[in-house]
Amino acid sequence: MIRCRWVQVATHTQQLSYTATIATKKTVAEVQQLLSSHGATAVMVEDDQGDPVAMKLKIIVDNEPLGYRLLVNWQEVLAVMRRDALAW
């Protein structure tokens, strides 16, 4: 499971805090669907002991296949989210 926390100032007088628990496989499936809906012709997930560590995708540009590898760096994303929350 991935546990995410977002803190956002909605108005000048009210601060809202949202917490959600989302299954990792659901998040991965949603990302795969988004990539596919935006032109990816192939999407693959690399796992390390059951945890996703990267996603690879292929898109066609000018009739040529291009491959990309997107690293999963949830620790850094969480650190940025926490830092941003403190800045609010």
Protein backbone atom coordinates (compact mmCIF):
# COMPACT_ATOMS: atom_id res chain seq x y z
CA MET A 1 0.00 0.00 0.00
CA ILE A 2 1.07 3.56 -0.67
CA ARG A 3 0.08 6.12 1.91
CA CYS A 4 -0.01 9.66 0.61
CA ARG A 5 -0.67 12.88 2.44
CA TRP A 6 -1.42 16.19 0.78
CA VAL A 7 -1.69 19.45 2.66
CA GLN A 8 -3.09 22.43 0.83
CA VAL A 9 -4.32 25.88 1.75
CA ALA A 10 -7.76 26.11 0.17
CA THR A 11 -8.61 29.65 1.23
CA HIS A 12 -6.99 32.40 3.25
CA THR A 13 -8.82 31.27 6.37
CA GLN A 14 -9.06 27.49 6.07
CA GLN A 15 -6.37 24.84 5.77
CA LEU A 16 -7.42 21.45 4.44
CA SER A 17 -5.55 18.20 4.90
CA TYR A 18 -6.23 15.04 2.89
CA THR A 19 -4.88 11.56 3.55
CA ALA A 20 -5.49 8.57 1.30
CA THR A 21 -4.38 4.96 1.32
CA ILE A 22 -4.20 3.49 -2.18
CA ALA A 23 -3.10 0.01 -3.19
CA THR A 24 0.16 0.08 -5.14
CA LYS A 25 -1.25 -2.12 -7.91
CA LYS A 26 -4.19 0.28 -8.36
CA THR A 27 -1.84 3.25 -8.71
CA VAL A 28 0.37 1.38 -11.19
CA ALA A 29 -2.69 0.38 -13.24
CA GLU A 30 -3.90 3.99 -13.33
CA VAL A 31 -0.48 5.22 -14.50
CA GLN A 32 -0.36 2.52 -17.17
CA GLN A 33 -3.81 3.54 -18.39
CA LEU A 34 -2.81 7.22 -18.53
CA LEU A 35 0.36 6.42 -20.48
CA SER A 36 -1.59 4.26 -22.90
CA SER A 37 -4.28 6.90 -23.39
CA HIS A 38 -1.55 9.41 -24.27
CA GLY A 39 0.08 7.29 -26.96
CA ALA A 40 2.22 4.65 -25.25
CA THR A 41 2.10 1.47 -27.32
CA ALA A 42 3.74 -0.66 -24.64
CA VAL A 43 4.08 -0.27 -20.87
CA MET A 44 6.07 -2.54 -18.55
CA VAL A 45 6.64 -2.40 -14.79
CA GLU A 46 9.96 -3.46 -13.25
CA ASP A 47 9.62 -4.98 -9.78
CA ASP A 48 12.09 -5.49 -6.95
CA GLN A 49 10.72 -8.08 -4.54
CA GLY A 50 7.16 -7.13 -5.44
CA ASP A 51 7.65 -3.36 -5.26
CA PRO A 52 7.61 -1.32 -8.47
CA VAL A 53 10.95 0.39 -9.12
CA ALA A 54 10.50 1.61 -12.71
CA MET A 55 8.08 1.76 -15.61
CA LYS A 56 9.17 1.39 -19.21
CA LEU A 57 7.11 2.64 -22.09
CA LYS A 58 7.27 2.83 -25.85
CA ILE A 59 5.79 5.58 -27.98
CA ILE A 60 5.93 6.15 -31.73
CA VAL A 61 7.33 9.50 -32.89
CA ASP A 62 7.76 10.20 -36.60
CA ASN A 63 7.10 6.50 -37.30
CA GLU A 64 10.00 5.51 -35.03
CA PRO A 65 9.59 3.70 -31.69
CA LEU A 66 11.08 5.53 -28.73
CA GLY A 67 11.61 3.87 -25.37
CA TYR A 68 11.56 5.59 -21.99
CA ARG A 69 12.27 4.36 -18.49
CA LEU A 70 10.58 6.19 -15.61
CA LEU A 71 12.13 5.49 -12.21
CA VAL A 72 9.89 5.15 -9.18
CA ASN A 73 11.39 7.28 -6.43
CA TRP A 74 8.62 7.39 -3.85
CA GLN A 75 11.00 8.34 -1.03
CA GLU A 76 11.99 11.57 -2.79
CA VAL A 77 8.38 12.34 -3.77
CA LEU A 78 7.31 11.93 -0.13
CA ALA A 79 10.15 14.20 1.03
CA VAL A 80 9.08 16.90 -1.45
CA MET A 81 5.45 16.60 -0.38
CA ARG A 82 6.44 16.98 3.28
CA ARG A 83 8.68 19.94 2.50
CA ASP A 84 5.92 21.60 0.48
CA ALA A 85 3.41 20.98 3.26
CA LEU A 86 5.70 22.74 5.74
CA ALA A 87 6.06 25.69 3.36
CA TRP A 88 2.28 26.19 3.38
